[in-house]
Protein backbone atom coordinates (compact mmCIF):
# COMPACT_ATOMS: atom_id res chain seq x y z
CA MET A 1 0.00 0.00 0.00
CA PRO A 2 1.50 3.34 -1.01
CA MET A 3 2.13 5.96 1.65
CA TYR A 4 -0.18 8.54 0.08
CA ASN A 5 -3.88 8.95 0.74
CA LYS A 6 -6.15 10.25 -2.03
CA LYS A 7 -8.14 12.37 0.44
CA SER A 8 -5.09 13.79 2.20
CA ALA A 9 -5.00 17.57 2.40
CA PHE A 10 -1.22 18.05 2.56
CA LEU A 11 -0.70 16.76 -1.00
CA LYS A 12 -1.17 19.49 -3.56
CA GLY A 13 -1.45 19.11 -7.32
CA ASP A 14 -2.65 16.38 -9.60
CA ARG A 15 -2.47 12.77 -8.32
CA ARG A 16 -3.33 10.85 -11.48
CA ASN A 17 0.01 9.11 -12.21
CA PRO A 18 1.41 7.63 -8.97
CA CYS A 19 4.98 6.36 -9.21
CA THR A 20 7.97 5.12 -7.26
CA TYR A 21 11.57 6.25 -7.74
CA ARG A 22 14.92 5.91 -5.98
CA VAL A 23 16.42 8.76 -3.98
CA GLY A 24 19.94 8.79 -2.58
CA ARG A 25 21.67 10.89 0.05
CA PHE A 26 24.85 10.93 2.09
CA GLU A 27 24.76 10.41 5.86
CA GLY A 28 28.25 10.92 7.16
CA ASP A 29 30.47 8.75 4.98
CA LYS A 30 27.67 6.39 3.86
CA TYR A 31 25.48 6.69 0.79
CA ILE A 32 21.89 5.63 1.51
CA SER A 33 19.42 4.92 -1.30
CA TYR A 34 15.71 4.53 -0.60
CA GLU A 35 12.45 4.30 -2.53
CA ASN A 36 10.11 7.29 -2.55
CA TYR A 37 6.53 7.76 -3.78
CA GLY A 38 5.32 10.64 -5.94
CA PHE A 39 3.11 11.67 -8.82
CA VAL A 40 4.21 12.25 -12.41
CA GLN A 41 2.95 15.66 -13.51
CA GLU A 42 4.48 15.88 -17.01
CA ARG A 43 6.54 13.75 -19.36
CA ASN A 44 9.08 14.66 -21.99
CA THR A 45 9.48 11.59 -24.20
CA LYS A 46 12.00 13.25 -26.54
CA MET A 47 14.45 13.80 -23.68
CA GLY A 48 13.27 10.71 -21.73
CA LEU A 49 12.21 12.53 -18.55
CA TYR A 50 9.29 12.56 -16.08
CA CYS A 51 8.48 15.60 -13.94
CA ILE A 52 7.69 14.18 -10.49
CA LEU A 53 5.88 15.85 -7.60
CA PRO A 54 7.12 13.98 -4.50
CA GLY A 55 4.50 12.69 -2.08
CA THR A 56 6.17 14.65 0.71
CA GLY A 57 5.18 18.01 -0.79
CA ASP A 58 8.64 19.10 -2.03
CA ASP A 59 9.35 20.87 -5.33
CA GLU A 60 8.91 19.13 -8.68
CA VAL A 61 12.00 17.30 -9.96
CA TRP A 62 12.85 15.83 -13.39
CA TYR A 63 13.94 12.15 -13.38
CA PRO A 64 14.93 9.84 -16.26
CA ILE A 65 12.08 7.57 -17.41
CA ASP A 66 14.09 4.38 -16.79
CA GLU A 67 14.52 5.27 -13.07
CA VAL A 68 10.77 5.78 -12.48
CA THR A 69 8.15 3.02 -12.14
CA LEU A 70 4.50 3.93 -12.67
CA VAL A 71 2.38 2.25 -9.98
CA LYS A 72 -0.56 1.65 -12.34
CA GLY A 73 1.80 0.54 -15.11
CA HIS A 74 0.62 3.06 -17.72
CA TRP A 75 0.25 6.79 -18.33
CA THR A 76 -3.13 8.42 -17.62
CA ASN A 77 -4.18 11.70 -19.23
CA LYS A 78 -6.28 14.38 -17.57
CA LYS A 79 -10.03 13.94 -17.81
CA ARG A 80 -11.64 16.18 -20.38
CA ILE A 81 -14.12 18.70 -19.07
CA VAL A 82 -17.26 18.43 -21.20
CA ASP A 83 -19.33 21.57 -21.48
CA GLU A 84 -22.99 20.52 -21.02
CA GLU A 85 -24.31 23.56 -22.92
CA SER A 86 -22.54 22.62 -26.14
CA GLU A 87 -24.09 19.12 -26.28
């Protein structure tokens, strides 16, 4: 079960493409790598990048597509808003 909650108020932005990705940091003289959850906001297929909004509420970051795993396994577009008056 992912660490995010769809009804959570602290997560801002669109939550339609949940993903996991690896993050690394140095603690003293050790390098620690861990898995983090986020949401893909945009994709740039020409450059091979995903723009990820981390589930912790940090700034958006661009990651290579091969380092990101989509939780649902596929890309989902935004829902189209249908104007009822035009139909």
